[in-house]
Amino acid sequence: MLKRKVLVLNQNYEPMAISTVKRAIILLYAQKVEVVERYDGIIRSISASMPCPSVIRLHSYIRKPFREIPLNRKNIMKRDHHTCQYCGKNSRPMTIDHVIPKSFGGKDTWENLVAACLACNAKKGNRTPEMAGMKLLRTPKRPGHLFYLQVMAGKPHATWKPYLFIS
């Protein structure tokens, strides 16, 4: 139970990090956080017992510069939910497609790379989506810090969803 994940919120309720129950209890005893949400279950010691924290909030605001999310195949697939951005299917083997091909001056950027199934990538070829008569389901964009926490959370506990803006 001490290794369960705990969502850490800044003083303004902005998601900051994901920690463990053990670390959350240490911060509670140091009086640096308050418990916002709880898991079912009790943590017991020789002299005390307490509800198992699920979401904690810092007492003081921490100014933390957020890390850039690295541009790589794994993160593009996560951003696009392993779904082809042309046909919407996710049951096929996937590849990465340049929306504007490199031969037309396309760069390796978040805004120019999308997940695509092999069939759509071959159909599009070395052309822009307009030239190939294809349309993107979503405009690709750089993911923010919240995306990173949502990915790290995996399938989050129901108590986390309001704080991570997941429906």
N, C-alpha and C. Protein backbone atom coordinates (compact mmCIF):
# COMPACT_ATOMS: atom_id res chain seq x y z
N MET A 1 0.81 -1.19 0.00
CA MET A 1 0.00 0.00 0.00
C MET A 1 0.86 1.26 0.00
N LEU A 2 2.06 1.20 0.57
CA LEU A 2 2.93 2.38 0.64
C LEU A 2 3.52 2.76 -0.71
N LYS A 3 3.44 1.87 -1.69
CA LYS A 3 3.98 2.17 -3.02
C LYS A 3 2.92 2.68 -4.00
N ARG A 4 1.67 2.80 -3.54
CA ARG A 4 0.61 3.33 -4.40
C ARG A 4 0.95 4.76 -4.80
N LYS A 5 0.43 5.18 -5.93
CA LYS A 5 0.70 6.52 -6.44
C LYS A 5 -0.18 7.56 -5.76
N VAL A 6 0.40 8.75 -5.55
CA VAL A 6 -0.31 9.88 -4.97
C VAL A 6 -0.07 11.09 -5.87
N LEU A 7 -1.13 11.79 -6.22
CA LEU A 7 -1.03 13.00 -7.03
C LEU A 7 -0.68 14.17 -6.11
N VAL A 8 0.36 14.92 -6.47
CA VAL A 8 0.80 16.06 -5.69
C VAL A 8 0.36 17.33 -6.41
N LEU A 9 -0.38 18.18 -5.69
CA LEU A 9 -0.86 19.44 -6.24
C LEU A 9 -0.09 20.60 -5.60
N ASN A 10 0.14 21.65 -6.38
CA ASN A 10 0.74 22.86 -5.84
C ASN A 10 -0.31 23.55 -4.96
N GLN A 11 0.05 24.63 -4.31
CA GLN A 11 -0.89 25.32 -3.43
C GLN A 11 -2.13 25.79 -4.18
N ASN A 12 -1.97 26.12 -5.47
CA ASN A 12 -3.10 26.60 -6.28
C ASN A 12 -3.86 25.45 -6.96
N TYR A 13 -3.67 24.23 -6.51
CA TYR A 13 -4.34 23.02 -7.03
C TYR A 13 -3.86 22.63 -8.43
N GLU A 14 -2.76 23.15 -8.87
CA GLU A 14 -2.19 22.76 -10.16
C GLU A 14 -1.42 21.45 -9.97
N PRO A 15 -1.66 20.44 -10.81
CA PRO A 15 -0.92 19.18 -10.69
C PRO A 15 0.58 19.42 -10.89
N MET A 16 1.39 18.87 -9.99
CA MET A 16 2.84 19.06 -10.06
C MET A 16 3.60 17.78 -10.33
N ALA A 17 3.23 16.72 -9.62
CA ALA A 17 4.02 15.50 -9.70
C ALA A 17 3.19 14.32 -9.23
N ILE A 18 3.79 13.15 -9.37
CA ILE A 18 3.20 11.92 -8.85
C ILE A 18 4.22 11.33 -7.89
N SER A 19 3.76 11.01 -6.70
CA SER A 19 4.64 10.50 -5.65
C SER A 19 4.08 9.17 -5.16
N THR A 20 4.61 8.70 -4.03
CA THR A 20 4.11 7.47 -3.41
C THR A 20 3.42 7.80 -2.10
N VAL A 21 2.64 6.86 -1.60
CA VAL A 21 1.97 7.04 -0.31
C VAL A 21 3.01 7.25 0.79
N LYS A 22 4.09 6.51 0.72
CA LYS A 22 5.15 6.64 1.74
C LYS A 22 5.67 8.08 1.78
N ARG A 23 5.99 8.66 0.64
CA ARG A 23 6.48 10.04 0.59
C ARG A 23 5.40 11.02 1.05
N ALA A 24 4.16 10.76 0.70
CA ALA A 24 3.05 11.63 1.12
C ALA A 24 2.91 11.64 2.63
N ILE A 25 3.08 10.48 3.27
CA ILE A 25 2.98 10.41 4.73
C ILE A 25 4.12 11.19 5.38
N ILE A 26 5.30 11.09 4.82
CA ILE A 26 6.45 11.87 5.33
C ILE A 26 6.15 13.36 5.25
N LEU A 27 5.60 13.80 4.12
CA LEU A 27 5.26 15.22 3.96
C LEU A 27 4.14 15.63 4.90
N LEU A 28 3.19 14.73 5.16
CA LEU A 28 2.11 15.01 6.11
C LEU A 28 2.66 15.22 7.52
N TYR A 29 3.54 14.33 7.97
CA TYR A 29 4.12 14.46 9.31
C TYR A 29 5.01 15.69 9.42
N ALA A 30 5.61 16.12 8.31
CA ALA A 30 6.42 17.35 8.32
C ALA A 30 5.53 18.59 8.20
N GLN A 31 4.22 18.39 8.08
CA GLN A 31 3.22 19.45 7.97
C GLN A 31 3.48 20.36 6.76
N LYS A 32 3.86 19.73 5.65
CA LYS A 32 4.09 20.47 4.41
C LYS A 32 2.94 20.34 3.43
N VAL A 33 2.05 19.37 3.69
CA VAL A 33 0.93 19.11 2.77
C VAL A 33 -0.34 18.86 3.57
N GLU A 34 -1.45 18.90 2.83
CA GLU A 34 -2.74 18.48 3.39
C GLU A 34 -3.33 17.44 2.45
N VAL A 35 -4.12 16.55 3.00
CA VAL A 35 -4.76 15.50 2.20
C VAL A 35 -6.03 16.09 1.58
N VAL A 36 -6.15 15.96 0.26
CA VAL A 36 -7.33 16.47 -0.45
C VAL A 36 -8.29 15.32 -0.75
N GLU A 37 -7.75 14.20 -1.20
CA GLU A 37 -8.55 13.01 -1.51
C GLU A 37 -7.90 11.80 -0.86
N ARG A 38 -8.69 10.76 -0.62
CA ARG A 38 -8.19 9.56 0.05
C ARG A 38 -8.57 8.30 -0.73
N TYR A 39 -7.70 7.29 -0.63
CA TYR A 39 -8.04 5.95 -1.10
C TYR A 39 -8.87 5.27 0.00
N ASP A 40 -9.54 4.18 -0.36
CA ASP A 40 -10.16 3.34 0.66
C ASP A 40 -9.03 2.60 1.36
N GLY A 41 -9.06 2.57 2.65
CA GLY A 41 -8.02 1.86 3.39
C GLY A 41 -7.37 2.77 4.41
N ILE A 42 -6.74 2.14 5.38
CA ILE A 42 -6.12 2.84 6.48
C ILE A 42 -4.64 2.45 6.56
N ILE A 43 -3.79 3.42 6.81
CA ILE A 43 -2.37 3.18 7.07
C ILE A 43 -2.22 3.14 8.59
N ARG A 44 -1.61 2.09 9.11
CA ARG A 44 -1.47 1.94 10.56
C ARG A 44 0.00 1.84 10.95
N SER A 45 0.31 2.45 12.09
CA SER A 45 1.61 2.27 12.72
C SER A 45 1.36 1.81 14.15
N ILE A 46 2.39 1.71 14.94
CA ILE A 46 2.23 1.26 16.32
C ILE A 46 1.37 2.24 17.11
N SER A 47 1.58 3.55 16.85
CA SER A 47 0.90 4.55 17.68
C SER A 47 -0.18 5.35 16.97
N ALA A 48 -0.34 5.17 15.66
CA ALA A 48 -1.31 6.01 14.94
C ALA A 48 -1.89 5.27 13.75
N SER A 49 -3.00 5.78 13.28
CA SER A 49 -3.58 5.30 12.03
C SER A 49 -4.14 6.51 11.29
N MET A 50 -4.11 6.41 9.97
CA MET A 50 -4.59 7.53 9.15
C MET A 50 -5.14 6.99 7.84
N PRO A 51 -6.05 7.75 7.19
CA PRO A 51 -6.54 7.33 5.87
C PRO A 51 -5.40 7.38 4.85
N CYS A 52 -5.46 6.51 3.88
CA CYS A 52 -4.43 6.44 2.83
C CYS A 52 -4.64 7.59 1.84
N PRO A 53 -3.67 8.52 1.71
CA PRO A 53 -3.86 9.66 0.82
C PRO A 53 -3.81 9.27 -0.66
N SER A 54 -4.65 9.92 -1.45
CA SER A 54 -4.67 9.73 -2.90
C SER A 54 -4.21 11.01 -3.61
N VAL A 55 -4.65 12.17 -3.10
CA VAL A 55 -4.26 13.47 -3.65
C VAL A 55 -3.87 14.35 -2.47
N ILE A 56 -2.68 14.97 -2.57
CA ILE A 56 -2.23 15.89 -1.53
C ILE A 56 -1.95 17.26 -2.15
N ARG A 57 -2.01 18.30 -1.30
CA ARG A 57 -1.77 19.67 -1.76
C ARG A 57 -0.72 20.31 -0.86
N LEU A 58 0.26 20.95 -1.49
CA LEU A 58 1.32 21.63 -0.74
C LEU A 58 0.75 22.86 -0.03
N HIS A 59 1.28 23.15 1.17
CA HIS A 59 0.86 24.33 1.91
C HIS A 59 1.42 25.62 1.32
N SER A 60 2.61 25.54 0.75
CA SER A 60 3.22 26.74 0.16
C SER A 60 3.43 26.53 -1.34
N TYR A 61 3.32 27.61 -2.09
CA TYR A 61 3.44 27.55 -3.55
C TYR A 61 4.90 27.30 -3.93
N ILE A 62 5.12 26.38 -4.84
CA ILE A 62 6.44 26.07 -5.35
C ILE A 62 6.50 26.50 -6.81
N ARG A 63 7.43 27.39 -7.12
CA ARG A 63 7.63 27.80 -8.50
C ARG A 63 8.59 26.79 -9.14
N LYS A 64 8.06 26.02 -10.06
CA LYS A 64 8.85 24.94 -10.65
C LYS A 64 8.80 25.05 -12.16
N PRO A 65 9.95 25.22 -12.80
CA PRO A 65 9.93 25.22 -14.27
C PRO A 65 9.66 23.80 -14.76
N PHE A 66 8.70 23.69 -15.65
CA PHE A 66 8.33 22.37 -16.13
C PHE A 66 9.26 21.93 -17.25
N ARG A 67 9.58 20.65 -17.23
CA ARG A 67 10.49 20.09 -18.23
C ARG A 67 9.82 20.03 -19.59
N GLU A 68 10.65 20.20 -20.60
CA GLU A 68 10.18 19.99 -21.97
C GLU A 68 9.96 18.49 -22.18
N ILE A 69 8.92 18.14 -22.87
CA ILE A 69 8.67 16.74 -23.18
C ILE A 69 9.48 16.41 -24.43
N PRO A 70 10.34 15.39 -24.36
CA PRO A 70 11.19 15.09 -25.51
C PRO A 70 10.38 14.66 -26.73
N LEU A 71 10.81 15.14 -27.88
CA LEU A 71 10.19 14.77 -29.15
C LEU A 71 10.77 13.43 -29.58
N ASN A 72 9.97 12.36 -29.41
CA ASN A 72 10.40 11.04 -29.85
C ASN A 72 9.17 10.23 -30.26
N ARG A 73 9.41 9.11 -30.86
CA ARG A 73 8.33 8.26 -31.39
C ARG A 73 7.33 7.88 -30.29
N LYS A 74 7.85 7.46 -29.14
CA LYS A 74 6.99 7.02 -28.05
C LYS A 74 6.04 8.14 -27.61
N ASN A 75 6.55 9.36 -27.47
CA ASN A 75 5.72 10.47 -27.01
C ASN A 75 4.73 10.93 -28.07
N ILE A 76 5.09 10.82 -29.34
CA ILE A 76 4.14 11.16 -30.42
C ILE A 76 2.99 10.15 -30.42
N MET A 77 3.33 8.87 -30.25
CA MET A 77 2.29 7.84 -30.19
C MET A 77 1.36 8.07 -28.99
N LYS A 78 1.94 8.44 -27.84
CA LYS A 78 1.11 8.71 -26.65
C LYS A 78 0.23 9.92 -26.89
N ARG A 79 0.79 10.98 -27.47
CA ARG A 79 0.00 12.19 -27.73
C ARG A 79 -1.19 11.87 -28.63
N ASP A 80 -0.96 11.03 -29.65
CA ASP A 80 -2.00 10.70 -30.62
C ASP A 80 -2.81 9.46 -30.21
N HIS A 81 -2.60 8.95 -29.00
CA HIS A 81 -3.34 7.80 -28.45
C HIS A 81 -3.22 6.56 -29.34
N HIS A 82 -2.06 6.36 -29.97
CA HIS A 82 -1.81 5.21 -30.84
C HIS A 82 -2.90 5.07 -31.90
N THR A 83 -3.37 6.21 -32.41
CA THR A 83 -4.45 6.24 -33.39
C THR A 83 -3.96 6.94 -34.64
N CYS A 84 -4.27 6.37 -35.80
CA CYS A 84 -3.91 7.00 -37.07
C CYS A 84 -4.62 8.35 -37.15
N GLN A 85 -3.89 9.39 -37.44
CA GLN A 85 -4.46 10.74 -37.48
C GLN A 85 -5.13 11.04 -38.82
N TYR A 86 -5.15 10.06 -39.72
CA TYR A 86 -5.84 10.22 -41.00
C TYR A 86 -7.15 9.42 -41.04
N CYS A 87 -7.10 8.14 -40.62
CA CYS A 87 -8.31 7.31 -40.70
C CYS A 87 -8.95 7.03 -39.34
N GLY A 88 -8.24 7.26 -38.26
CA GLY A 88 -8.80 7.08 -36.92
C GLY A 88 -8.72 5.66 -36.38
N LYS A 89 -8.06 4.75 -37.08
CA LYS A 89 -7.96 3.37 -36.60
C LYS A 89 -6.70 3.20 -35.76
N ASN A 90 -6.78 2.28 -34.79
CA ASN A 90 -5.59 2.02 -33.98
C ASN A 90 -5.26 0.53 -33.89
N SER A 91 -5.84 -0.26 -34.76
CA SER A 91 -5.62 -1.71 -34.71
C SER A 91 -4.47 -2.15 -35.62
N ARG A 92 -3.93 -1.25 -36.36
CA ARG A 92 -2.88 -1.61 -37.32
C ARG A 92 -1.50 -1.24 -36.77
N PRO A 93 -0.44 -1.79 -37.38
CA PRO A 93 0.90 -1.30 -37.02
C PRO A 93 1.00 0.19 -37.37
N MET A 94 1.64 0.96 -36.49
CA MET A 94 1.70 2.41 -36.67
C MET A 94 3.10 2.87 -37.02
N THR A 95 3.15 4.01 -37.67
CA THR A 95 4.41 4.65 -38.01
C THR A 95 4.26 6.15 -37.75
N ILE A 96 5.33 6.89 -37.93
CA ILE A 96 5.30 8.34 -37.75
C ILE A 96 5.33 8.97 -39.15
N ASP A 97 4.46 9.95 -39.38
CA ASP A 97 4.37 10.61 -40.68
C ASP A 97 4.67 12.09 -40.53
N HIS A 98 5.42 12.63 -41.49
CA HIS A 98 5.61 14.07 -41.57
C HIS A 98 4.42 14.65 -42.32
N VAL A 99 3.66 15.55 -41.68
CA VAL A 99 2.50 16.16 -42.33
C VAL A 99 2.98 16.89 -43.58
N ILE A 100 3.96 17.75 -43.42
CA ILE A 100 4.63 18.37 -44.57
C ILE A 100 5.93 17.60 -44.76
N PRO A 101 6.07 16.87 -45.86
CA PRO A 101 7.25 16.03 -46.06
C PRO A 101 8.56 16.83 -45.99
N LYS A 102 9.62 16.15 -45.61
CA LYS A 102 10.93 16.79 -45.53
C LYS A 102 11.35 17.38 -46.87
N SER A 103 10.95 16.72 -47.96
CA SER A 103 11.32 17.22 -49.29
C SER A 103 10.63 18.55 -49.61
N PHE A 104 9.56 18.89 -48.87
CA PHE A 104 8.87 20.17 -49.04
C PHE A 104 9.27 21.15 -47.94
N GLY A 105 10.31 20.82 -47.18
CA GLY A 105 10.78 21.70 -46.12
C GLY A 105 10.19 21.41 -44.75
N GLY A 106 9.52 20.29 -44.60
CA GLY A 106 8.94 19.93 -43.30
C GLY A 106 10.03 19.59 -42.29
N LYS A 107 9.82 20.00 -41.07
CA LYS A 107 10.80 19.79 -40.01
C LYS A 107 10.33 18.68 -39.05
N ASP A 108 11.25 18.23 -38.22
CA ASP A 108 10.93 17.27 -37.16
C ASP A 108 10.46 18.07 -35.95
N THR A 109 9.18 18.42 -35.93
CA THR A 109 8.61 19.19 -34.83
C THR A 109 7.31 18.53 -34.38
N TRP A 110 6.86 18.89 -33.17
CA TRP A 110 5.59 18.38 -32.67
C TRP A 110 4.45 18.71 -33.61
N GLU A 111 4.51 19.88 -34.24
CA GLU A 111 3.43 20.36 -35.10
C GLU A 111 3.43 19.71 -36.48
N ASN A 112 4.51 18.97 -36.82
CA ASN A 112 4.62 18.38 -38.16
C ASN A 112 4.66 16.85 -38.13
N LEU A 113 4.68 16.22 -36.97
CA LEU A 113 4.75 14.77 -36.89
C LEU A 113 3.45 14.21 -36.29
N VAL A 114 2.93 13.16 -36.90
CA VAL A 114 1.71 12.51 -36.42
C VAL A 114 1.85 10.99 -36.52
N ALA A 115 1.03 10.29 -35.75
CA ALA A 115 0.94 8.83 -35.86
C ALA A 115 0.08 8.50 -37.08
N ALA A 116 0.50 7.51 -37.83
CA ALA A 116 -0.27 7.09 -39.01
C ALA A 116 -0.13 5.59 -39.19
N CYS A 117 -1.21 4.97 -39.68
CA CYS A 117 -1.12 3.54 -39.99
C CYS A 117 -0.32 3.39 -41.28
N LEU A 118 0.17 2.21 -41.51
CA LEU A 118 1.01 1.97 -42.70
C LEU A 118 0.26 2.26 -43.99
N ALA A 119 -1.03 1.90 -44.03
CA ALA A 119 -1.81 2.09 -45.26
C ALA A 119 -1.97 3.58 -45.57
N CYS A 120 -2.31 4.38 -44.55
CA CYS A 120 -2.48 5.82 -44.78
C CYS A 120 -1.15 6.50 -45.11
N ASN A 121 -0.09 6.05 -44.46
CA ASN A 121 1.23 6.63 -44.73
C ASN A 121 1.64 6.34 -46.17
N ALA A 122 1.36 5.12 -46.65
CA ALA A 122 1.70 4.76 -48.03
C ALA A 122 0.81 5.53 -49.01
N LYS A 123 -0.47 5.69 -48.67
CA LYS A 123 -1.40 6.42 -49.53
C LYS A 123 -0.99 7.88 -49.67
N LYS A 124 -0.57 8.47 -48.57
CA LYS A 124 -0.16 9.87 -48.58
C LYS A 124 1.16 10.04 -49.32
N GLY A 125 2.06 9.10 -49.10
CA GLY A 125 3.35 9.14 -49.79
C GLY A 125 4.13 10.40 -49.46
N ASN A 126 4.83 10.91 -50.45
CA ASN A 126 5.67 12.10 -50.28
C ASN A 126 4.90 13.34 -50.71
N ARG A 127 3.67 13.47 -50.18
CA ARG A 127 2.83 14.62 -50.52
C ARG A 127 2.25 15.22 -49.25
N THR A 128 1.71 16.41 -49.36
CA THR A 128 1.00 17.01 -48.23
C THR A 128 -0.37 16.35 -48.15
N PRO A 129 -1.06 16.44 -47.01
CA PRO A 129 -2.41 15.85 -46.92
C PRO A 129 -3.36 16.42 -47.98
N GLU A 130 -3.26 17.71 -48.28
CA GLU A 130 -4.13 18.33 -49.29
C GLU A 130 -3.87 17.73 -50.67
N MET A 131 -2.60 17.54 -51.01
CA MET A 131 -2.24 16.96 -52.31
C MET A 131 -2.74 15.53 -52.43
N ALA A 132 -2.75 14.80 -51.30
CA ALA A 132 -3.18 13.40 -51.30
C ALA A 132 -4.68 13.26 -51.11
N GLY A 133 -5.38 14.36 -50.89
CA GLY A 133 -6.82 14.32 -50.66
C GLY A 133 -7.18 13.71 -49.31
N MET A 134 -6.31 13.93 -48.33
CA MET A 134 -6.54 13.38 -46.98
C MET A 134 -6.65 14.54 -45.99
N LYS A 135 -7.32 14.27 -44.89
CA LYS A 135 -7.51 15.31 -43.86
C LYS A 135 -7.09 14.77 -42.51
N LEU A 136 -6.40 15.60 -41.73
CA LEU A 136 -6.00 15.22 -40.38
C LEU A 136 -7.22 15.27 -39.45
N LEU A 137 -7.32 14.28 -38.55
CA LEU A 137 -8.40 14.28 -37.57
C LEU A 137 -8.22 15.40 -36.55
N ARG A 138 -6.97 15.63 -36.15
CA ARG A 138 -6.63 16.67 -35.17
C ARG A 138 -5.37 17.38 -35.62
N THR A 139 -5.32 18.66 -35.38
CA THR A 139 -4.11 19.42 -35.68
C THR A 139 -3.05 19.06 -34.64
N PRO A 140 -1.88 18.61 -35.07
CA PRO A 140 -0.86 18.23 -34.10
C PRO A 140 -0.29 19.45 -33.38
N LYS A 141 -0.03 19.30 -32.08
CA LYS A 141 0.55 20.40 -31.31
C LYS A 141 1.45 19.85 -30.22
N ARG A 142 2.29 20.72 -29.69
CA ARG A 142 3.23 20.36 -28.63
C ARG A 142 2.43 20.08 -27.35
N PRO A 143 2.66 18.93 -26.70
CA PRO A 143 1.95 18.65 -25.45
C PRO A 143 2.53 19.47 -24.30
N GLY A 144 1.69 19.77 -23.33
CA GLY A 144 2.11 20.54 -22.16
C GLY A 144 2.42 19.66 -20.98
N HIS A 145 2.69 20.30 -19.85
CA HIS A 145 3.04 19.59 -18.62
C HIS A 145 1.92 18.68 -18.15
N LEU A 146 0.68 19.10 -18.33
CA LEU A 146 -0.47 18.30 -17.90
C LEU A 146 -0.51 16.98 -18.66
N PHE A 147 -0.16 17.01 -19.94
CA PHE A 147 -0.10 15.78 -20.74
C PHE A 147 0.88 14.80 -20.11
N TYR A 148 2.03 15.30 -19.71
CA TYR A 148 3.06 14.46 -19.12
C TYR A 148 2.54 13.77 -17.86
N LEU A 149 1.83 14.52 -17.01
CA LEU A 149 1.28 13.92 -15.79
C LEU A 149 0.18 12.91 -16.11
N GLN A 150 -0.64 13.22 -17.12
CA GLN A 150 -1.70 12.28 -17.50
C GLN A 150 -1.09 10.97 -18.00
N VAL A 151 0.00 11.06 -18.76
CA VAL A 151 0.66 9.85 -19.26
C VAL A 151 1.30 9.09 -18.11
N MET A 152 1.96 9.81 -17.20
CA MET A 152 2.60 9.17 -16.05
C MET A 152 1.57 8.49 -15.15
N ALA A 153 0.39 9.07 -15.06
CA ALA A 153 -0.65 8.51 -14.21
C ALA A 153 -1.20 7.21 -14.78
N GLY A 154 -1.06 7.02 -16.09
CA GLY A 154 -1.63 5.82 -16.70
C GLY A 154 -3.13 5.87 -16.60
N LYS A 155 -3.70 4.84 -15.98
CA LYS A 155 -5.14 4.85 -15.72
C LYS A 155 -5.31 5.35 -14.28
N PRO A 156 -5.58 6.65 -14.12
CA PRO A 156 -5.58 7.21 -12.77
C PRO A 156 -6.80 6.80 -11.95
N HIS A 157 -6.65 6.88 -10.65
CA HIS A 157 -7.75 6.63 -9.72
C HIS A 157 -8.83 7.68 -9.97
N ALA A 158 -10.06 7.35 -9.72
CA ALA A 158 -11.18 8.27 -9.97
C ALA A 158 -11.03 9.59 -9.24
N THR A 159 -10.38 9.59 -8.09
CA THR A 159 -10.23 10.84 -7.33
C THR A 159 -9.27 11.82 -7.99
N TRP A 160 -8.42 11.34 -8.91
CA TRP A 160 -7.45 12.21 -9.59
C TRP A 160 -8.06 12.95 -10.77
N LYS A 161 -9.08 12.40 -11.37
CA LYS A 161 -9.59 12.90 -12.65
C LYS A 161 -9.94 14.40 -12.66
N PRO A 162 -10.58 14.95 -11.64
CA PRO A 162 -10.87 16.38 -11.69
C PRO A 162 -9.62 17.26 -11.71
N TYR A 163 -8.54 16.78 -11.10
CA TYR A 163 -7.31 17.57 -11.01
C TYR A 163 -6.45 17.44 -12.27
N LEU A 164 -6.60 16.33 -12.99
CA LEU A 164 -5.86 16.13 -14.23
C LEU A 164 -6.72 16.48 -15.46
N PHE A 165 -7.93 16.96 -15.22
CA PHE A 165 -8.86 17.36 -16.27
C PHE A 165 -9.14 16.21 -17.22
N ILE A 166 -9.39 15.05 -16.63
CA ILE A 166 -9.76 13.86 -17.40
C ILE A 166 -11.23 13.58 -17.13
N SER A 167 -11.98 13.35 -18.18
CA SER A 167 -13.41 13.05 -17.97
C SER A 167 -13.66 11.57 -17.87
